Amino acid sequence: LVVEGARFGLAVSRFNSLIVDSLQRGAVDCLLRHGAKERDIEVVKVPG
């Protein structure tokens, strides 16, 4: 569970954003706490 140079793409729905924004924060926080760099995380927003 240690990130070493991996790149992560997040495909994130905008629908139900009250909920999904929290899921996104949780995912990004987890990635960073396990060693990912901000530059290695990309979020792509989709309608639903």
All heavy atoms as atom14 arrays in JSON, in Angstrom:
{
  "sequence": "LVVEGARFGLAVSRFNSLIVDSLQRGAVDCLLRHGAKERDIEVVKVPG",
  "atom14_mask": [
    [1, 1, 1, 1, 1, 1, 1, 1, 0, 0, 0, 0, 0, 0],
    [1, 1, 1, 1, 1, 1, 1, 0, 0, 0, 0, 0, 0, 0],
    [1, 1, 1, 1, 1, 1, 1, 0, 0, 0, 0, 0, 0, 0],
    [1, 1, 1, 1, 1, 1, 1, 1, 1, 0, 0, 0, 0, 0],
    [1, 1, 1, 1, 0, 0, 0, 0, 0, 0, 0, 0, 0, 0],
    [1, 1, 1, 1, 1, 0, 0, 0, 0, 0, 0, 0, 0, 0],
    [1, 1, 1, 1, 1, 1, 1, 1, 1, 1, 1, 0, 0, 0],
    [1, 1, 1, 1, 1, 1, 1, 1, 1, 1, 1, 0, 0, 0],
    [1, 1, 1, 1, 0, 0, 0, 0, 0, 0, 0, 0, 0, 0],
    [1, 1, 1, 1, 1, 1, 1, 1, 0, 0, 0, 0, 0, 0],
    [1, 1, 1, 1, 1, 0, 0, 0, 0, 0, 0, 0, 0, 0],
    [1, 1, 1, 1, 1, 1, 1, 0, 0, 0, 0, 0, 0, 0],
    [1, 1, 1, 1, 1, 1, 0, 0, 0, 0, 0, 0, 0, 0],
    [1, 1, 1, 1, 1, 1, 1, 1, 1, 1, 1, 0, 0, 0],
    [1, 1, 1, 1, 1, 1, 1, 1, 1, 1, 1, 0, 0, 0],
    [1, 1, 1, 1, 1, 1, 1, 1, 0, 0, 0, 0, 0, 0],
    [1, 1, 1, 1, 1, 1, 0, 0, 0, 0, 0, 0, 0, 0],
    [1, 1, 1, 1, 1, 1, 1, 1, 0, 0, 0, 0, 0, 0],
    [1, 1, 1, 1, 1, 1, 1, 1, 0, 0, 0, 0, 0, 0],
    [1, 1, 1, 1, 1, 1, 1, 0, 0, 0, 0, 0, 0, 0],
    [1, 1, 1, 1, 1, 1, 1, 1, 0, 0, 0, 0, 0, 0],
    [1, 1, 1, 1, 1, 1, 0, 0, 0, 0, 0, 0, 0, 0],
    [1, 1, 1, 1, 1, 1, 1, 1, 0, 0, 0, 0, 0, 0],
    [1, 1, 1, 1, 1, 1, 1, 1, 1, 0, 0, 0, 0, 0],
    [1, 1, 1, 1, 1, 1, 1, 1, 1, 1, 1, 0, 0, 0],
    [1, 1, 1, 1, 0, 0, 0, 0, 0, 0, 0, 0, 0, 0],
    [1, 1, 1, 1, 1, 0, 0, 0, 0, 0, 0, 0, 0, 0],
    [1, 1, 1, 1, 1, 1, 1, 0, 0, 0, 0, 0, 0, 0],
    [1, 1, 1, 1, 1, 1, 1, 1, 0, 0, 0, 0, 0, 0],
    [1, 1, 1, 1, 1, 1, 0, 0, 0, 0, 0, 0, 0, 0],
    [1, 1, 1, 1, 1, 1, 1, 1, 0, 0, 0, 0, 0, 0],
    [1, 1, 1, 1, 1, 1, 1, 1, 0, 0, 0, 0, 0, 0],
    [1, 1, 1, 1, 1, 1, 1, 1, 1, 1, 1, 0, 0, 0],
    [1, 1, 1, 1, 1, 1, 1, 1, 1, 1, 0, 0, 0, 0],
    [1, 1, 1, 1, 0, 0, 0, 0, 0, 0, 0, 0, 0, 0],
    [1, 1, 1, 1, 1, 0, 0, 0, 0, 0, 0, 0, 0, 0],
    [1, 1, 1, 1, 1, 1, 1, 1, 1, 0, 0, 0, 0, 0],
    [1, 1, 1, 1, 1, 1, 1, 1, 1, 0, 0, 0, 0, 0],
    [1, 1, 1, 1, 1, 1, 1, 1, 1, 1, 1, 0, 0, 0],
    [1, 1, 1, 1, 1, 1, 1, 1, 0, 0, 0, 0, 0, 0],
    [1, 1, 1, 1, 1, 1, 1, 1, 0, 0, 0, 0, 0, 0],
    [1, 1, 1, 1, 1, 1, 1, 1, 1, 0, 0, 0, 0, 0],
    [1, 1, 1, 1, 1, 1, 1, 0, 0, 0, 0, 0, 0, 0],
    [1, 1, 1, 1, 1, 1, 1, 0, 0, 0, 0, 0, 0, 0],
    [1, 1, 1, 1, 1, 1, 1, 1, 1, 0, 0, 0, 0, 0],
    [1, 1, 1, 1, 1, 1, 1, 0, 0, 0, 0, 0, 0, 0],
    [1, 1, 1, 1, 1, 1, 1, 0, 0, 0, 0, 0, 0, 0],
    [1, 1, 1, 1, 0, 0, 0, 0, 0, 0, 0, 0, 0, 0]
  ],
  "atom14_positions": [
    [[0.82, -1.2, 0.0], [0.0, 0.0, 0.0], [0.85, 1.25, 0.0], [0.47, 2.29, 0.53], [-0.94, -0.02, 1.21], [-1.98, -1.14, 1.2], [-2.8, -1.14, 2.47], [-2.88, -1.06, -0.02], [0.0, 0.0, 0.0], [0.0, 0.0, 0.0], [0.0, 0.0, 0.0], [0.0, 0.0, 0.0], [0.0, 0.0, 0.0], [0.0, 0.0, 0.0]],
    [[2.01, 1.16, -0.64], [2.92, 2.3, -0.76], [3.01, 2.69, -2.23], [3.29, 1.85, -3.08], [4.32, 1.96, -0.21], [5.27, 3.13, -0.4], [4.24, 1.58, 1.26], [0.0, 0.0, 0.0], [0.0, 0.0, 0.0], [0.0, 0.0, 0.0], [0.0, 0.0, 0.0], [0.0, 0.0, 0.0], [0.0, 0.0, 0.0], [0.0, 0.0, 0.0]],
    [[2.77, 3.96, -2.51], [2.85, 4.45, -3.89], [4.28, 4.85, -4.19], [4.88, 5.63, -3.44], [1.93, 5.67, -4.11], [2.07, 6.2, -5.52], [0.48, 5.3, -3.81], [0.0, 0.0, 0.0], [0.0, 0.0, 0.0], [0.0, 0.0, 0.0], [0.0, 0.0, 0.0], [0.0, 0.0, 0.0], [0.0, 0.0, 0.0], [0.0, 0.0, 0.0]],
    [[4.82, 4.29, -5.25], [6.17, 4.64, -5.69], [6.14, 4.96, -7.18], [6.28, 4.08, -8.02], [7.14, 3.5, -5.39], [7.32, 3.24, -3.9], [8.25, 2.08, -3.61], [8.95, 1.62, -4.53], [8.26, 1.63, -2.45], [0.0, 0.0, 0.0], [0.0, 0.0, 0.0], [0.0, 0.0, 0.0], [0.0, 0.0, 0.0], [0.0, 0.0, 0.0]],
    [[5.92, 6.23, -7.49], [5.96, 6.68, -8.87], [4.78, 6.3, -9.74], [4.83, 6.45, -10.95], [0.0, 0.0, 0.0], [0.0, 0.0, 0.0], [0.0, 0.0, 0.0], [0.0, 0.0, 0.0], [0.0, 0.0, 0.0], [0.0, 0.0, 0.0], [0.0, 0.0, 0.0], [0.0, 0.0, 0.0], [0.0, 0.0, 0.0], [0.0, 0.0, 0.0]],
    [[3.71, 5.83, -9.16], [2.53, 5.45, -9.95], [1.68, 6.67, -10.27], [1.65, 7.64, -9.51], [1.71, 4.41, -9.19], [0.0, 0.0, 0.0], [0.0, 0.0, 0.0], [0.0, 0.0, 0.0], [0.0, 0.0, 0.0], [0.0, 0.0, 0.0], [0.0, 0.0, 0.0], [0.0, 0.0, 0.0], [0.0, 0.0, 0.0], [0.0, 0.0, 0.0]],
    [[0.98, 6.59, -11.39], [0.09, 7.66, -11.83], [-1.36, 7.17, -11.76], [-1.65, 6.05, -12.17], [0.42, 8.08, -13.26], [1.81, 8.7, -13.36], [2.34, 8.61, -14.76], [2.32, 7.19, -15.13], [2.48, 6.73, -16.35], [2.66, 7.53, -17.35], [2.47, 5.43, -16.61], [0.0, 0.0, 0.0], [0.0, 0.0, 0.0], [0.0, 0.0, 0.0]],
    [[-2.23, 8.03, -11.25], [-3.63, 7.66, -11.04], [-4.55, 8.63, -11.76], [-4.4, 9.85, -11.65], [-3.96, 7.66, -9.55], [-3.16, 6.66, -8.77], [-1.93, 7.01, -8.23], [-3.61, 5.37, -8.61], [-1.17, 6.09, -7.53], [-2.86, 4.44, -7.91], [-1.63, 4.8, -7.37], [0.0, 0.0, 0.0], [0.0, 0.0, 0.0], [0.0, 0.0, 0.0]],
    [[-5.5, 8.08, -12.49], [-6.55, 8.87, -13.13], [-7.86, 8.62, -12.41], [-8.23, 7.47, -12.19], [0.0, 0.0, 0.0], [0.0, 0.0, 0.0], [0.0, 0.0, 0.0], [0.0, 0.0, 0.0], [0.0, 0.0, 0.0], [0.0, 0.0, 0.0], [0.0, 0.0, 0.0], [0.0, 0.0, 0.0], [0.0, 0.0, 0.0], [0.0, 0.0, 0.0]],
    [[-8.53, 9.68, -12.04], [-9.83, 9.57, -11.39], [-10.91, 9.99, -12.36], [-10.88, 11.12, -12.88], [-9.9, 10.45, -10.14], [-9.21, 9.95, -8.87], [-7.72, 9.87, -9.03], [-9.57, 10.81, -7.68], [0.0, 0.0, 0.0], [0.0, 0.0, 0.0], [0.0, 0.0, 0.0], [0.0, 0.0, 0.0], [0.0, 0.0, 0.0], [0.0, 0.0, 0.0]],
    [[-11.83, 9.11, -12.65], [-13.0, 9.41, -13.48], [-14.14, 9.69, -12.51], [-14.61, 8.78, -11.82], [-13.34, 8.25, -14.41], [0.0, 0.0, 0.0], [0.0, 0.0, 0.0], [0.0, 0.0, 0.0], [0.0, 0.0, 0.0], [0.0, 0.0, 0.0], [0.0, 0.0, 0.0], [0.0, 0.0, 0.0], [0.0, 0.0, 0.0], [0.0, 0.0, 0.0]],
    [[-14.56, 10.94, -12.43], [-15.44, 11.39, -11.36], [-16.74, 11.98, -11.93], [-16.7, 12.91, -12.73], [-14.73, 12.45, -10.49], [-15.63, 12.93, -9.37], [-13.42, 11.89, -9.93], [0.0, 0.0, 0.0], [0.0, 0.0, 0.0], [0.0, 0.0, 0.0], [0.0, 0.0, 0.0], [0.0, 0.0, 0.0], [0.0, 0.0, 0.0], [0.0, 0.0, 0.0]],
    [[-17.86, 11.46, -11.45], [-19.17, 11.95, -11.86], [-19.49, 13.28, -11.17], [-19.23, 13.45, -9.99], [-20.23, 10.91, -11.49], [-21.52, 11.44, -11.62], [0.0, 0.0, 0.0], [0.0, 0.0, 0.0], [0.0, 0.0, 0.0], [0.0, 0.0, 0.0], [0.0, 0.0, 0.0], [0.0, 0.0, 0.0], [0.0, 0.0, 0.0], [0.0, 0.0, 0.0]],
    [[-20.09, 14.21, -11.93], [-20.57, 15.46, -11.33], [-21.97, 15.29, -10.72], [-22.35, 16.04, -9.84], [-20.61, 16.57, -12.38], [-19.25, 17.11, -12.73], [-19.32, 18.41, -13.53], [-20.35, 18.42, -14.54], [-20.17, 18.11, -15.83], [-18.96, 17.77, -16.26], [-21.17, 18.15, -16.68], [0.0, 0.0, 0.0], [0.0, 0.0, 0.0], [0.0, 0.0, 0.0]],
    [[-22.73, 14.3, -11.2], [-24.08, 14.08, -10.68], [-23.98, 13.62, -9.23], [-23.11, 12.84, -8.88], [-24.81, 13.04, -11.54], [-26.29, 13.05, -11.35], [-27.07, 14.01, -11.98], [-26.9, 12.11, -10.57], [-28.45, 14.03, -11.81], [-28.27, 12.11, -10.4], [-29.05, 13.08, -11.01], [0.0, 0.0, 0.0], [0.0, 0.0, 0.0], [0.0, 0.0, 0.0]],
    [[-24.86, 14.09, -8.38], [-24.81, 13.84, -6.93], [-23.49, 14.36, -6.35], [-22.84, 13.7, -5.53], [-24.99, 12.35, -6.61], [-26.4, 11.88, -6.87], [-27.36, 12.57, -6.57], [-26.53, 10.68, -7.43], [0.0, 0.0, 0.0], [0.0, 0.0, 0.0], [0.0, 0.0, 0.0], [0.0, 0.0, 0.0], [0.0, 0.0, 0.0], [0.0, 0.0, 0.0]],
    [[-23.12, 15.57, -6.76], [-21.82, 16.13, -6.39], [-21.63, 16.29, -4.89], [-20.5, 16.22, -4.41], [-21.58, 17.46, -7.1], [-22.55, 18.42, -6.71], [0.0, 0.0, 0.0], [0.0, 0.0, 0.0], [0.0, 0.0, 0.0], [0.0, 0.0, 0.0], [0.0, 0.0, 0.0], [0.0, 0.0, 0.0], [0.0, 0.0, 0.0], [0.0, 0.0, 0.0]],
    [[-22.69, 16.49, -4.14], [-22.56, 16.58, -2.69], [-21.87, 15.34, -2.13], [-20.99, 15.42, -1.27], [-23.93, 16.76, -2.04], [-23.95, 16.75, -0.51], [-23.34, 18.04, 0.02], [-25.36, 16.56, 0.0], [0.0, 0.0, 0.0], [0.0, 0.0, 0.0], [0.0, 0.0, 0.0], [0.0, 0.0, 0.0], [0.0, 0.0, 0.0], [0.0, 0.0, 0.0]],
    [[-22.23, 14.2, -2.66], [-21.66, 12.92, -2.23], [-20.32, 12.67, -2.93], [-19.32, 12.33, -2.31], [-22.63, 11.76, -2.56], [-23.98, 11.98, -1.87], [-22.02, 10.42, -2.21], [-23.93, 12.08, -0.37], [0.0, 0.0, 0.0], [0.0, 0.0, 0.0], [0.0, 0.0, 0.0], [0.0, 0.0, 0.0], [0.0, 0.0, 0.0], [0.0, 0.0, 0.0]],
    [[-20.29, 12.84, -4.24], [-19.12, 12.46, -5.03], [-17.91, 13.34, -4.71], [-16.78, 12.86, -4.71], [-19.46, 12.46, -6.54], [-18.25, 12.04, -7.36], [-20.63, 11.52, -6.82], [0.0, 0.0, 0.0], [0.0, 0.0, 0.0], [0.0, 0.0, 0.0], [0.0, 0.0, 0.0], [0.0, 0.0, 0.0], [0.0, 0.0, 0.0], [0.0, 0.0, 0.0]],
    [[-18.13, 14.62, -4.41], [-17.01, 15.47, -4.04], [-16.3, 14.95, -2.8], [-15.08, 14.99, -2.69], [-17.47, 16.91, -3.81], [-17.88, 17.62, -5.09], [-17.64, 17.08, -6.2], [-18.47, 18.72, -4.97], [0.0, 0.0, 0.0], [0.0, 0.0, 0.0], [0.0, 0.0, 0.0], [0.0, 0.0, 0.0], [0.0, 0.0, 0.0], [0.0, 0.0, 0.0]],
    [[-17.07, 14.41, -1.86], [-16.49, 13.81, -0.66], [-15.72, 12.53, -1.0], [-14.64, 12.28, -0.44], [-17.58, 13.52, 0.37], [-17.02, 13.0, 1.54], [0.0, 0.0, 0.0], [0.0, 0.0, 0.0], [0.0, 0.0, 0.0], [0.0, 0.0, 0.0], [0.0, 0.0, 0.0], [0.0, 0.0, 0.0], [0.0, 0.0, 0.0], [0.0, 0.0, 0.0]],
    [[-16.25, 11.73, -1.92], [-15.53, 10.53, -2.36], [-14.2, 10.93, -3.0], [-13.16, 10.29, -2.76], [-16.37, 9.74, -3.36], [-17.67, 9.12, -2.86], [-18.44, 8.5, -4.02], [-17.4, 8.11, -1.76], [0.0, 0.0, 0.0], [0.0, 0.0, 0.0], [0.0, 0.0, 0.0], [0.0, 0.0, 0.0], [0.0, 0.0, 0.0], [0.0, 0.0, 0.0]],
    [[-14.23, 11.99, -3.82], [-13.0, 12.45, -4.47], [-11.98, 12.92, -3.43], [-10.8, 12.58, -3.53], [-13.32, 13.57, -5.46], [-12.07, 14.09, -6.17], [-12.38, 15.24, -7.11], [-13.44, 15.26, -7.74], [-11.47, 16.17, -7.22], [0.0, 0.0, 0.0], [0.0, 0.0, 0.0], [0.0, 0.0, 0.0], [0.0, 0.0, 0.0], [0.0, 0.0, 0.0]],
    [[-12.43, 13.7, -2.46], [-11.5, 14.15, -1.4], [-10.89, 12.96, -0.67], [-9.7, 12.93, -0.38], [-12.22, 15.07, -0.42], [-12.46, 16.47, -0.96], [-12.94, 17.43, 0.14], [-14.2, 17.01, 0.75], [-15.41, 17.32, 0.26], [-15.51, 18.03, -0.85], [-16.49, 16.91, 0.89], [0.0, 0.0, 0.0], [0.0, 0.0, 0.0], [0.0, 0.0, 0.0]],
    [[-11.71, 11.95, -0.4], [-11.22, 10.76, 0.29], [-10.2, 10.01, -0.54], [-9.18, 9.55, -0.02], [0.0, 0.0, 0.0], [0.0, 0.0, 0.0], [0.0, 0.0, 0.0], [0.0, 0.0, 0.0], [0.0, 0.0, 0.0], [0.0, 0.0, 0.0], [0.0, 0.0, 0.0], [0.0, 0.0, 0.0], [0.0, 0.0, 0.0], [0.0, 0.0, 0.0]],
    [[-10.45, 9.89, -1.83], [-9.52, 9.18, -2.72], [-8.2, 9.92, -2.83], [-7.12, 9.32, -2.7], [-10.14, 8.99, -4.1], [0.0, 0.0, 0.0], [0.0, 0.0, 0.0], [0.0, 0.0, 0.0], [0.0, 0.0, 0.0], [0.0, 0.0, 0.0], [0.0, 0.0, 0.0], [0.0, 0.0, 0.0], [0.0, 0.0, 0.0], [0.0, 0.0, 0.0]],
    [[-8.26, 11.22, -3.07], [-7.03, 12.02, -3.22], [-6.24, 12.02, -1.92], [-5.02, 11.82, -1.92], [-7.36, 13.45, -3.69], [-6.13, 14.35, -3.61], [-7.91, 13.42, -5.11], [0.0, 0.0, 0.0], [0.0, 0.0, 0.0], [0.0, 0.0, 0.0], [0.0, 0.0, 0.0], [0.0, 0.0, 0.0], [0.0, 0.0, 0.0], [0.0, 0.0, 0.0]],
    [[-6.92, 12.2, -0.8], [-6.24, 12.17, 0.5], [-5.54, 10.84, 0.72], [-4.38, 10.79, 1.15], [-7.24, 12.44, 1.62], [-6.59, 12.38, 2.99], [-5.71, 13.23, 3.27], [-6.97, 11.48, 3.77], [0.0, 0.0, 0.0], [0.0, 0.0, 0.0], [0.0, 0.0, 0.0], [0.0, 0.0, 0.0], [0.0, 0.0, 0.0], [0.0, 0.0, 0.0]],
    [[-6.2, 9.75, 0.41], [-5.61, 8.42, 0.56], [-4.38, 8.26, -0.31], [-3.34, 7.78, 0.14], [-6.65, 7.35, 0.23], [-6.0, 5.67, 0.32], [0.0, 0.0, 0.0], [0.0, 0.0, 0.0], [0.0, 0.0, 0.0], [0.0, 0.0, 0.0], [0.0, 0.0, 0.0], [0.0, 0.0, 0.0], [0.0, 0.0, 0.0], [0.0, 0.0, 0.0]],
    [[-4.49, 8.66, -1.57], [-3.34, 8.54, -2.48], [-2.14, 9.33, -1.96], [-1.01, 8.82, -1.94], [-3.72, 9.03, -3.88], [-4.72, 8.17, -4.65], [-5.2, 8.89, -5.9], [-4.14, 6.81, -4.98], [0.0, 0.0, 0.0], [0.0, 0.0, 0.0], [0.0, 0.0, 0.0], [0.0, 0.0, 0.0], [0.0, 0.0, 0.0], [0.0, 0.0, 0.0]],
    [[-2.39, 10.55, -1.52], [-1.29, 11.38, -1.02], [-0.69, 10.8, 0.26], [0.54, 10.78, 0.43], [-1.79, 12.82, -0.77], [-2.23, 13.58, -2.03], [-2.86, 14.92, -1.65], [-1.06, 13.79, -2.99], [0.0, 0.0, 0.0], [0.0, 0.0, 0.0], [0.0, 0.0, 0.0], [0.0, 0.0, 0.0], [0.0, 0.0, 0.0], [0.0, 0.0, 0.0]],
    [[-1.53, 10.32, 1.17], [-1.02, 9.74, 2.42], [-0.19, 8.48, 2.17], [0.67, 8.14, 2.98], [-2.17, 9.41, 3.38], [-2.7, 10.64, 4.1], [-3.74, 10.32, 5.17], [-4.96, 9.77, 4.6], [-5.36, 8.5, 4.74], [-4.66, 7.64, 5.42], [-6.49, 8.08, 4.19], [0.0, 0.0, 0.0], [0.0, 0.0, 0.0], [0.0, 0.0, 0.0]],
    [[-0.43, 7.81, 1.07], [0.32, 6.59, 0.76], [1.49, 6.82, -0.18], [2.09, 5.86, -0.65], [-0.64, 5.52, 0.23], [-1.51, 4.95, 1.31], [-1.18, 3.82, 2.01], [-2.67, 5.39, 1.85], [-2.1, 3.57, 2.92], [-3.02, 4.52, 2.85], [0.0, 0.0, 0.0], [0.0, 0.0, 0.0], [0.0, 0.0, 0.0], [0.0, 0.0, 0.0]],
    [[1.79, 8.08, -0.44], [3.02, 8.38, -1.17], [2.87, 8.95, -2.57], [3.88, 9.25, -3.21], [0.0, 0.0, 0.0], [0.0, 0.0, 0.0], [0.0, 0.0, 0.0], [0.0, 0.0, 0.0], [0.0, 0.0, 0.0], [0.0, 0.0, 0.0], [0.0, 0.0, 0.0], [0.0, 0.0, 0.0], [0.0, 0.0, 0.0], [0.0, 0.0, 0.0]],
    [[1.66, 9.07, -3.08], [1.48, 9.66, -4.41], [1.81, 11.15, -4.36], [1.68, 11.8, -3.32], [0.05, 9.46, -4.89], [0.0, 0.0, 0.0], [0.0, 0.0, 0.0], [0.0, 0.0, 0.0], [0.0, 0.0, 0.0], [0.0, 0.0, 0.0], [0.0, 0.0, 0.0], [0.0, 0.0, 0.0], [0.0, 0.0, 0.0], [0.0, 0.0, 0.0]],
    [[2.23, 11.67, -5.47], [2.49, 13.1, -5.62], [1.3, 13.73, -6.34], [0.68, 13.1, -7.2], [3.77, 13.34, -6.45], [5.01, 12.63, -5.92], [5.42, 13.17, -4.58], [6.7, 12.5, -4.12], [6.63, 12.02, -2.76], [0.0, 0.0, 0.0], [0.0, 0.0, 0.0], [0.0, 0.0, 0.0], [0.0, 0.0, 0.0], [0.0, 0.0, 0.0]],
    [[1.0, 14.98, -6.01], [-0.12, 15.66, -6.64], [-0.01, 15.64, -8.16], [-1.0, 15.48, -8.86], [-0.24, 17.11, -6.15], [-0.81, 17.21, -4.76], [-1.04, 18.64, -4.31], [-0.86, 19.58, -5.13], [-1.42, 18.81, -3.15], [0.0, 0.0, 0.0], [0.0, 0.0, 0.0], [0.0, 0.0, 0.0], [0.0, 0.0, 0.0], [0.0, 0.0, 0.0]],
    [[1.21, 15.77, -8.68], [1.41, 15.8, -10.14], [1.07, 14.46, -10.79], [0.91, 14.39, -12.01], [2.84, 16.19, -10.46], [3.88, 15.16, -10.06], [5.3, 15.55, -10.42], [6.24, 14.55, -10.0], [6.88, 14.56, -8.84], [6.69, 15.55, -7.98], [7.71, 13.59, -8.52], [0.0, 0.0, 0.0], [0.0, 0.0, 0.0], [0.0, 0.0, 0.0]],
    [[0.98, 13.4, -10.0], [0.68, 12.07, -10.53], [-0.79, 11.67, -10.36], [-1.16, 10.51, -10.52], [1.57, 11.03, -9.85], [3.03, 11.2, -10.22], [3.31, 11.6, -11.36], [3.9, 10.94, -9.35], [0.0, 0.0, 0.0], [0.0, 0.0, 0.0], [0.0, 0.0, 0.0], [0.0, 0.0, 0.0], [0.0, 0.0, 0.0], [0.0, 0.0, 0.0]],
    [[-1.64, 12.67, -10.04], [-3.08, 12.44, -9.88], [-3.8, 13.39, -10.83], [-3.55, 14.58, -10.84], [-3.53, 12.72, -8.43], [-2.78, 11.84, -7.43], [-5.05, 12.53, -8.31], [-2.98, 12.25, -5.98], [0.0, 0.0, 0.0], [0.0, 0.0, 0.0], [0.0, 0.0, 0.0], [0.0, 0.0, 0.0], [0.0, 0.0, 0.0], [0.0, 0.0, 0.0]],
    [[-4.67, 12.82, -11.66], [-5.46, 13.65, -12.57], [-6.92, 13.3, -12.43], [-7.28, 12.12, -12.43], [-5.0, 13.46, -14.01], [-5.68, 14.38, -14.99], [-4.99, 14.39, -16.34], [-4.9, 13.31, -16.96], [-4.55, 15.47, -16.76], [0.0, 0.0, 0.0], [0.0, 0.0, 0.0], [0.0, 0.0, 0.0], [0.0, 0.0, 0.0], [0.0, 0.0, 0.0]],
    [[-7.77, 14.32, -12.33], [-9.21, 14.13, -12.19], [-9.88, 14.51, -13.5], [-9.63, 15.6, -14.03], [-9.76, 15.0, -11.03], [-11.28, 14.89, -10.96], [-9.12, 14.59, -9.71], [0.0, 0.0, 0.0], [0.0, 0.0, 0.0], [0.0, 0.0, 0.0], [0.0, 0.0, 0.0], [0.0, 0.0, 0.0], [0.0, 0.0, 0.0], [0.0, 0.0, 0.0]],
    [[-10.72, 13.61, -14.01], [-11.5, 13.87, -15.21], [-12.97, 13.82, -14.79], [-13.44, 12.79, -14.31], [-11.21, 12.83, -16.31], [-12.07, 13.09, -17.53], [-9.73, 12.81, -16.66], [0.0, 0.0, 0.0], [0.0, 0.0, 0.0], [0.0, 0.0, 0.0], [0.0, 0.0, 0.0], [0.0, 0.0, 0.0], [0.0, 0.0, 0.0], [0.0, 0.0, 0.0]],
    [[-13.67, 14.92, -14.96], [-15.08, 15.01, -14.56], [-15.99, 14.61, -15.72], [-15.76, 15.0, -16.86], [-15.41, 16.44, -14.13], [-14.68, 16.91, -12.9], [-15.34, 16.38, -11.66], [-14.75, 17.04, -10.42], [-15.62, 16.89, -9.27], [0.0, 0.0, 0.0], [0.0, 0.0, 0.0], [0.0, 0.0, 0.0], [0.0, 0.0, 0.0], [0.0, 0.0, 0.0]],
    [[-17.0, 13.82, -15.4], [-17.99, 13.39, -16.39], [-19.38, 13.78, -15.87], [-19.55, 14.02, -14.67], [-17.91, 11.87, -16.65], [-16.52, 11.48, -17.11], [-18.3, 11.07, -15.42], [0.0, 0.0, 0.0], [0.0, 0.0, 0.0], [0.0, 0.0, 0.0], [0.0, 0.0, 0.0], [0.0, 0.0, 0.0], [0.0, 0.0, 0.0], [0.0, 0.0, 0.0]],
    [[-20.38, 13.85, -16.75], [-21.72, 14.26, -16.3], [-22.33, 13.35, -15.23], [-22.85, 13.83, -14.22], [-22.56, 14.24, -17.57], [-21.58, 14.42, -18.68], [-20.32, 13.72, -18.21], [0.0, 0.0, 0.0], [0.0, 0.0, 0.0], [0.0, 0.0, 0.0], [0.0, 0.0, 0.0], [0.0, 0.0, 0.0], [0.0, 0.0, 0.0], [0.0, 0.0, 0.0]],
    [[-22.27, 12.03, -15.45], [-22.9, 11.11, -14.5], [-22.22, 9.75, -14.53], [-21.29, 9.51, -15.29], [0.0, 0.0, 0.0], [0.0, 0.0, 0.0], [0.0, 0.0, 0.0], [0.0, 0.0, 0.0], [0.0, 0.0, 0.0], [0.0, 0.0, 0.0], [0.0, 0.0, 0.0], [0.0, 0.0, 0.0], [0.0, 0.0, 0.0], [0.0, 0.0, 0.0]]
  ]
}
